[in-house]
C-alpha atoms as a PDB file:
ATOM      1  CA  MET A   1     -37.904   7.631 -23.348  1.00  0.00           C
ATOM      2  CA  VAL A   2     -37.543   8.771 -19.825  1.00  0.00           C
ATOM      3  CA  ARG A   3     -35.443   5.824 -18.462  1.00  0.00           C
ATOM      4  CA  ARG A   4     -33.014   6.328 -21.876  1.00  0.00           C
ATOM      5  CA  THR A   5     -32.383   9.843 -20.866  1.00  0.00           C
ATOM      6  CA  LYS A   6     -31.349   9.315 -17.319  1.00  0.00           C
ATOM      7  CA  GLN A   7     -29.116   6.651 -18.504  1.00  0.00           C
ATOM      8  CA  GLU A   8     -27.574   9.197 -21.089  1.00  0.00           C
ATOM      9  CA  ALA A   9     -27.082  11.289 -18.051  1.00  0.00           C
ATOM     10  CA  GLN A  10     -25.394   9.087 -15.982  1.00  0.00           C
ATOM     11  CA  GLU A  11     -22.913   7.805 -18.827  1.00  0.00           C
ATOM     12  CA  THR A  12     -22.103  11.738 -19.454  1.00  0.00           C
ATOM     13  CA  ARG A  13     -21.404  11.766 -15.628  1.00  0.00           C
ATOM     14  CA  SER A  14     -18.945   9.185 -15.585  1.00  0.00           C
ATOM     15  CA  GLU A  15     -17.060  10.188 -18.782  1.00  0.00           C
ATOM     16  CA  ILE A  16     -16.576  13.532 -17.234  1.00  0.00           C
ATOM     17  CA  ILE A  17     -15.574  11.752 -14.110  1.00  0.00           C
ATOM     18  CA  ASP A  18     -12.856   9.746 -16.178  1.00  0.00           C
ATOM     19  CA  ALA A  19     -11.581  12.634 -18.150  1.00  0.00           C
ATOM     20  CA  ALA A  20     -11.426  14.571 -14.731  1.00  0.00           C
ATOM     21  CA  GLU A  21      -9.333  11.567 -13.542  1.00  0.00           C
ATOM     22  CA  LEU A  22      -7.057  11.703 -16.498  1.00  0.00           C
ATOM     23  CA  CYS A  23      -6.334  15.601 -16.237  1.00  0.00           C
ATOM     24  CA  PHE A  24      -5.899  15.735 -12.427  1.00  0.00           C
ATOM     25  CA  HIS A  25      -2.983  13.058 -13.101  1.00  0.00           C
ATOM     26  CA  ARG A  26      -1.674  14.659 -16.002  1.00  0.00           C
ATOM     27  CA  LYS A  27      -1.501  18.683 -14.579  1.00  0.00           C
ATOM     28  CA  GLY A  28      -2.424  18.527 -11.424  1.00  0.00           C
ATOM     29  CA  ILE A  29      -5.535  19.768  -9.687  1.00  0.00           C
ATOM     30  CA  SER A  30      -5.104  23.493  -9.492  1.00  0.00           C
ATOM     31  CA  ARG A  31      -4.035  23.786 -13.040  1.00  0.00           C
ATOM     32  CA  THR A  32      -6.824  21.445 -14.519  1.00  0.00           C
ATOM     33  CA  SER A  33      -9.789  23.743 -15.283  1.00  0.00           C
ATOM     34  CA  LEU A  34     -13.552  22.600 -15.955  1.00  0.00           C
ATOM     35  CA  ALA A  35     -12.813  24.030 -19.574  1.00  0.00           C
ATOM     36  CA  ASP A  36     -10.004  21.233 -19.621  1.00  0.00           C
ATOM     37  CA  ILE A  37     -12.259  18.450 -18.087  1.00  0.00           C
ATOM     38  CA  ALA A  38     -14.601  19.194 -20.723  1.00  0.00           C
ATOM     39  CA  SER A  39     -12.469  19.173 -23.572  1.00  0.00           C
ATOM     40  CA  ALA A  40     -11.223  16.156 -22.626  1.00  0.00           C
ATOM     41  CA  ALA A  41     -14.961  14.829 -22.143  1.00  0.00           C
ATOM     42  CA  GLY A  42     -15.959  15.810 -25.012  1.00  0.00           C
ATOM     43  CA  VAL A  43     -19.064  17.744 -23.418  1.00  0.00           C
ATOM     44  CA  THR A  44     -19.551  21.788 -22.792  1.00  0.00           C
ATOM     45  CA  ARG A  45     -18.741  23.485 -19.414  1.00  0.00           C
ATOM     46  CA  GLY A  46     -22.723  23.716 -19.200  1.00  0.00           C
ATOM     47  CA  ALA A  47     -22.861  19.380 -19.232  1.00  0.00           C
ATOM     48  CA  ILE A  48     -20.332  19.482 -16.204  1.00  0.00           C
ATOM     49  CA  TYR A  49     -22.300  22.510 -14.259  1.00  0.00           C
ATOM     50  CA  TRP A  50     -25.138  20.424 -14.742  1.00  0.00           C
ATOM     51  CA  HIS A  51     -23.456  17.400 -12.930  1.00  0.00           C
ATOM     52  CA  PHE A  52     -21.214  18.917 -10.789  1.00  0.00           C
ATOM     53  CA  GLN A  53     -20.887  22.103  -8.788  1.00  0.00           C
ATOM     54  CA  ASP A  54     -16.885  22.632  -9.244  1.00  0.00           C
ATOM     55  CA  LYS A  55     -13.843  20.774  -9.438  1.00  0.00           C
ATOM     56  CA  ALA A  56     -14.134  20.260  -5.632  1.00  0.00           C
ATOM     57  CA  ASP A  57     -17.416  18.189  -6.492  1.00  0.00           C
ATOM     58  CA  VAL A  58     -15.755  16.597  -9.208  1.00  0.00           C
ATOM     59  CA  LEU A  59     -12.707  15.475  -7.039  1.00  0.00           C
ATOM     60  CA  GLU A  60     -15.656  14.309  -4.312  1.00  0.00           C
ATOM     61  CA  ALA A  61     -17.085  12.179  -7.050  1.00  0.00           C
ATOM     62  CA  LEU A  62     -14.173  11.013  -7.897  1.00  0.00           C
ATOM     63  CA  LEU A  63     -13.328   9.615  -4.676  1.00  0.00           C
ATOM     64  CA  GLU A  64     -16.672   8.057  -3.721  1.00  0.00           C
ATOM     65  CA  ARG A  65     -16.473   6.164  -7.339  1.00  0.00           C
ATOM     66  CA  ALA A  66     -12.447   4.424  -6.104  1.00  0.00           C
ATOM     67  CA  ASN A  67     -13.960   3.586  -2.561  1.00  0.00           C
ATOM     68  CA  MET A  68     -17.209   1.774  -4.073  1.00  0.00           C
ATOM     69  CA  PRO A  69     -15.378  -1.261  -4.004  1.00  0.00           C
ATOM     70  CA  LEU A  70     -14.192  -0.978  -0.560  1.00  0.00           C
ATOM     71  CA  GLN A  71     -17.540   0.112   1.252  1.00  0.00           C
ATOM     72  CA  PRO A  72     -19.054  -3.358   1.707  1.00  0.00           C
ATOM     73  CA  LEU A  73     -16.240  -4.711   3.584  1.00  0.00           C
ATOM     74  CA  GLY A  74     -16.027  -1.188   5.764  1.00  0.00           C
ATOM     75  CA  GLU A  75     -19.914  -1.630   6.788  1.00  0.00           C
ATOM     76  CA  ALA A  76     -19.152  -5.214   7.533  1.00  0.00           C
ATOM     77  CA  GLY A  77     -16.647  -4.174  10.373  1.00  0.00           C
ATOM     78  CA  ARG A  78     -18.564  -1.730  11.993  1.00  0.00           C
ATOM     79  CA  ASN A  79     -21.997  -3.460  11.741  1.00  0.00           C
ATOM     80  CA  GLN A  80     -22.444  -5.133  15.056  1.00  0.00           C
ATOM     81  CA  HIS A  81     -23.895  -8.374  14.158  1.00  0.00           C
ATOM     82  CA  GLU A  82     -20.209  -9.202  12.243  1.00  0.00           C
ATOM     83  CA  PRO A  83     -18.723 -11.955  14.243  1.00  0.00           C
ATOM     84  CA  ASP A  84     -15.231 -11.157  12.727  1.00  0.00           C
ATOM     85  CA  PRO A  85     -15.200  -6.895  12.472  1.00  0.00           C
ATOM     86  CA  LEU A  86     -11.112  -7.366  12.871  1.00  0.00           C
ATOM     87  CA  GLY A  87     -10.838  -9.902  10.033  1.00  0.00           C
ATOM     88  CA  ARG A  88     -13.007  -7.527   7.719  1.00  0.00           C
ATOM     89  CA  LEU A  89     -10.807  -4.809   8.835  1.00  0.00           C
ATOM     90  CA  ARG A  90      -7.806  -7.424   7.852  1.00  0.00           C
ATOM     91  CA  ASP A  91      -9.331  -7.674   4.079  1.00  0.00           C
ATOM     92  CA  LEU A  92     -10.067  -4.130   4.014  1.00  0.00           C
ATOM     93  CA  LEU A  93      -6.514  -3.407   4.305  1.00  0.00           C
ATOM     94  CA  VAL A  94      -5.202  -6.101   2.347  1.00  0.00           C
ATOM     95  CA  LEU A  95      -7.488  -5.043  -0.486  1.00  0.00           C
ATOM     96  CA  LEU A  96      -6.880  -1.654  -0.522  1.00  0.00           C
ATOM     97  CA  PHE A  97      -3.083  -2.005  -0.965  1.00  0.00           C
ATOM     98  CA  GLN A  98      -3.364  -4.479  -3.750  1.00  0.00           C
ATOM     99  CA  ARG A  99      -5.725  -2.492  -5.518  1.00  0.00           C
ATOM    100  CA  VAL A 100      -3.433   0.420  -5.238  1.00  0.00           C
ATOM    101  CA  GLU A 101      -0.704  -1.597  -7.218  1.00  0.00           C
ATOM    102  CA  LEU A 102      -2.992  -3.821  -9.775  1.00  0.00           C
ATOM    103  CA  ASP A 103      -5.948  -1.248 -10.509  1.00  0.00           C
ATOM    104  CA  PRO A 104      -4.388   1.810 -12.662  1.00  0.00           C
ATOM    105  CA  ALA A 105      -7.264   3.944 -12.024  1.00  0.00           C
ATOM    106  CA  VAL A 106      -6.868   3.848  -7.876  1.00  0.00           C
ATOM    107  CA  LYS A 107      -3.136   4.213  -8.765  1.00  0.00           C
ATOM    108  CA  ARG A 108      -4.210   7.586 -10.343  1.00  0.00           C
ATOM    109  CA  ILE A 109      -6.345   8.304  -8.190  1.00  0.00           C
ATOM    110  CA  ASN A 110      -4.054   8.108  -4.999  1.00  0.00           C
ATOM    111  CA  GLU A 111      -0.900   9.973  -6.937  1.00  0.00           C
ATOM    112  CA  ILE A 112      -3.438  12.778  -7.322  1.00  0.00           C
ATOM    113  CA  ILE A 113      -4.467  12.921  -3.946  1.00  0.00           C
ATOM    114  CA  PHE A 114      -1.099  12.365  -2.391  1.00  0.00           C
ATOM    115  CA  HIS A 115       1.248  14.314  -4.898  1.00  0.00           C
ATOM    116  CA  LYS A 116      -0.853  16.277  -7.336  1.00  0.00           C
ATOM    117  CA  CYS A 117      -3.331  17.854  -5.114  1.00  0.00           C
ATOM    118  CA  GLU A 118      -2.144  21.504  -4.563  1.00  0.00           C
ATOM    119  CA  TYR A 119      -4.000  23.365  -1.482  1.00  0.00           C
ATOM    120  CA  THR A 120      -3.868  26.771  -2.791  1.00  0.00           C
ATOM    121  CA  ASP A 121      -5.695  29.528  -1.837  1.00  0.00           C
ATOM    122  CA  ASP A 122      -8.688  29.675  -4.379  1.00  0.00           C
ATOM    123  CA  MET A 123      -8.495  26.008  -3.637  1.00  0.00           C
ATOM    124  CA  CYS A 124      -9.858  26.082   0.285  1.00  0.00           C
ATOM    125  CA  ASP A 125     -13.323  24.014  -0.548  1.00  0.00           C
ATOM    126  CA  LEU A 126     -10.742  21.275  -1.633  1.00  0.00           C
ATOM    127  CA  ARG A 127      -9.151  21.467   1.402  1.00  0.00           C
ATOM    128  CA  ASN A 128     -12.089  20.912   3.847  1.00  0.00           C
ATOM    129  CA  ARG A 129     -13.787  18.379   1.592  1.00  0.00           C
ATOM    130  CA  ILE A 130     -10.440  16.423   1.650  1.00  0.00           C
ATOM    131  CA  GLN A 131     -10.419  16.855   5.535  1.00  0.00           C
ATOM    132  CA  SER A 132     -14.057  15.672   6.033  1.00  0.00           C
ATOM    133  CA  PHE A 133     -12.975  13.216   3.792  1.00  0.00           C
ATOM    134  CA  ARG A 134     -10.127  11.850   5.877  1.00  0.00           C
ATOM    135  CA  HIS A 135     -12.235  12.735   9.283  1.00  0.00           C
ATOM    136  CA  LEU A 136     -14.521  10.111   8.164  1.00  0.00           C
ATOM    137  CA  CYS A 137     -12.041   7.579   7.333  1.00  0.00           C
ATOM    138  CA  ASP A 138     -11.047   8.045  11.023  1.00  0.00           C
ATOM    139  CA  GLN A 139     -14.075   7.822  12.653  1.00  0.00           C
ATOM    140  CA  ASN A 140     -14.998   4.665  10.268  1.00  0.00           C
ATOM    141  CA  ILE A 141     -11.802   2.995  11.269  1.00  0.00           C
ATOM    142  CA  GLU A 142     -12.530   3.738  15.037  1.00  0.00           C
ATOM    143  CA  SER A 143     -15.911   2.304  14.759  1.00  0.00           C
ATOM    144  CA  THR A 144     -14.431  -0.928  13.454  1.00  0.00           C
ATOM    145  CA  LEU A 145     -11.957  -1.131  16.266  1.00  0.00           C
ATOM    146  CA  ARG A 146     -14.538  -0.449  18.839  1.00  0.00           C
ATOM    147  CA  ASN A 147     -16.729  -3.107  17.291  1.00  0.00           C
ATOM    148  CA  ALA A 148     -13.361  -5.321  17.289  1.00  0.00           C
ATOM    149  CA  MET A 149     -13.285  -4.764  21.131  1.00  0.00           C
ATOM    150  CA  GLY A 150     -16.687  -5.348  21.854  1.00  0.00           C
ATOM    151  CA  LYS A 151     -15.938  -8.898  20.201  1.00  0.00           C
ATOM    152  CA  GLY A 152     -12.760  -9.392  22.376  1.00  0.00           C
ATOM    153  CA  GLN A 153     -10.896  -9.568  19.570  1.00  0.00           C
ATOM    154  CA  LEU A 154      -8.679  -6.291  20.328  1.00  0.00           C
ATOM    155  CA  PRO A 155      -7.924  -5.258  24.171  1.00  0.00           C
ATOM    156  CA  PRO A 156     -10.549  -3.951  26.209  1.00  0.00           C
ATOM    157  CA  ASP A 157      -8.768  -0.673  27.214  1.00  0.00           C
ATOM    158  CA  LEU A 158      -6.951  -0.113  23.314  1.00  0.00           C
ATOM    159  CA  ASP A 159      -7.155   3.690  23.048  1.00  0.00           C
ATOM    160  CA  ALA A 160      -9.111   3.538  20.130  1.00  0.00           C
ATOM    161  CA  ALA A 161      -9.463   7.291  18.815  1.00  0.00           C
ATOM    162  CA  LEU A 162      -5.679   7.123  18.983  1.00  0.00           C
ATOM    163  CA  ALA A 163      -5.674   3.727  17.396  1.00  0.00           C
ATOM    164  CA  SER A 164      -7.751   4.630  14.275  1.00  0.00           C
ATOM    165  CA  ARG A 165      -5.108   7.371  13.501  1.00  0.00           C
ATOM    166  CA  CYS A 166      -1.837   5.349  13.787  1.00  0.00           C
ATOM    167  CA  VAL A 167      -4.025   2.806  11.094  1.00  0.00           C
ATOM    168  CA  HIS A 168      -5.247   5.570   9.183  1.00  0.00           C
ATOM    169  CA  SER A 169      -1.392   7.110   8.963  1.00  0.00           C
ATOM    170  CA  PHE A 170       0.327   3.749   8.728  1.00  0.00           C
ATOM    171  CA  VAL A 171      -1.765   2.793   5.658  1.00  0.00           C
ATOM    172  CA  SER A 172      -1.246   6.565   4.344  1.00  0.00           C
ATOM    173  CA  GLY A 173       2.205   6.684   5.003  1.00  0.00           C
ATOM    174  CA  VAL A 174       2.824   3.136   2.848  1.00  0.00           C
ATOM    175  CA  ILE A 175       1.203   4.551  -0.053  1.00  0.00           C
ATOM    176  CA  ASP A 176       2.498   7.530   0.046  1.00  0.00           C
ATOM    177  CA  GLN A 177       6.150   5.859   0.074  1.00  0.00           C
ATOM    178  CA  TRP A 178       5.223   3.419  -2.405  1.00  0.00           C
ATOM    179  CA  LEU A 179       4.154   5.783  -4.819  1.00  0.00           C
ATOM    180  CA  LEU A 180       7.178   7.739  -4.905  1.00  0.00           C
ATOM    181  CA  VAL A 181       9.952   4.728  -4.336  1.00  0.00           C
ATOM    182  CA  PRO A 182       7.780   1.618  -5.859  1.00  0.00           C
ATOM    183  CA  GLU A 183      11.499  -0.021  -5.765  1.00  0.00           C
ATOM    184  CA  GLY A 184      11.944  -2.714  -3.194  1.00  0.00           C
ATOM    185  CA  LEU A 185       7.963  -3.527  -2.164  1.00  0.00           C
ATOM    186  CA  ASP A 186       5.617  -5.595  -4.234  1.00  0.00           C
ATOM    187  CA  LEU A 187       2.906  -3.993  -2.805  1.00  0.00           C
ATOM    188  CA  ALA A 188       0.313  -6.461  -3.654  1.00  0.00           C
ATOM    189  CA  VAL A 189       2.449  -9.258  -2.897  1.00  0.00           C
ATOM    190  CA  ARG A 190       3.133  -8.199   0.491  1.00  0.00           C
ATOM    191  CA  ALA A 191      -0.190  -6.585   1.349  1.00  0.00           C
ATOM    192  CA  GLU A 192      -1.137  -9.272   3.609  1.00  0.00           C
ATOM    193  CA  SER A 193       2.105  -8.962   5.890  1.00  0.00           C
ATOM    194  CA  LEU A 194       1.318  -5.214   6.238  1.00  0.00           C
ATOM    195  CA  ALA A 195      -2.643  -5.880   7.064  1.00  0.00           C
ATOM    196  CA  ASP A 196      -0.869  -8.331   9.655  1.00  0.00           C
ATOM    197  CA  ALA A 197       1.789  -5.981  10.786  1.00  0.00           C
ATOM    198  CA  ILE A 198      -1.387  -3.258  11.736  1.00  0.00           C
ATOM    199  CA  VAL A 199      -3.469  -6.046  13.614  1.00  0.00           C
ATOM    200  CA  ASP A 200      -0.309  -7.113  15.535  1.00  0.00           C
ATOM    201  CA  MET A 201      -0.039  -3.404  16.028  1.00  0.00           C
ATOM    202  CA  LEU A 202      -3.177  -3.184  17.534  1.00  0.00           C
ATOM    203  CA  ARG A 203      -3.383  -6.172  19.517  1.00  0.00           C
ATOM    204  CA  LEU A 204       0.295  -6.022  20.993  1.00  0.00           C
ATOM    205  CA  SER A 205       1.159  -2.311  21.218  1.00  0.00           C
ATOM    206  CA  PRO A 206       1.429  -1.168  24.700  1.00  0.00           C
ATOM    207  CA  ALA A 207       1.651   2.424  23.505  1.00  0.00           C
ATOM    208  CA  LEU A 208      -1.824   2.072  22.403  1.00  0.00           C
ATOM    209  CA  ARG A 209      -3.421   1.219  25.651  1.00  0.00           C
ATOM    210  CA  SER A 210      -5.818   3.700  27.280  1.00  0.00           C
ATOM    211  CA  SER A 211      -4.266   5.358  30.504  1.00  0.00           C
ATOM    212  CA  ALA A 212      -7.614   6.365  31.535  1.00  0.00           C
END
């Protein structure tokens, strides 16, 4: 009986996240209320507060769920025992670009983050959480780059901190631009070319070498 109750609670939590995704995408985050999410999920506001503190907490859960399929590749790239961390980073980038175009839920989530995430005065906590999420992405990329440097896959004098920001900005820029103007770029088909461009930048760009 307890096991069934836990399963039902998990199902309710998932339904709330599903509803939030659709509401955020339709109305934007700041214009979506917890009452809107509760109505879309067919639950009470009390049920939402049982699982989440606020809208920012719901969005964080939405982001975590979207990134779950990418976690094994990210962890492999940072693992000191991984013989090909740069290859794992490339695989991660290819999968990321492909999912944005081919997975409707992932596309919606990226549209929410890039185009429907309003940092108003009453959404300061949301801004802080997004900042923390992006900072963590930078750290994870940098760890992977340092791992690849240690394996001889990248120049030993690569400025890993700067390079990680460049990788993150490249990916974010491509996704942002494609979501607004998808014409002329088949993101899924060109995913490998885009990933290779990033790898070439890391391997060959003199501007990314450390001056120390």
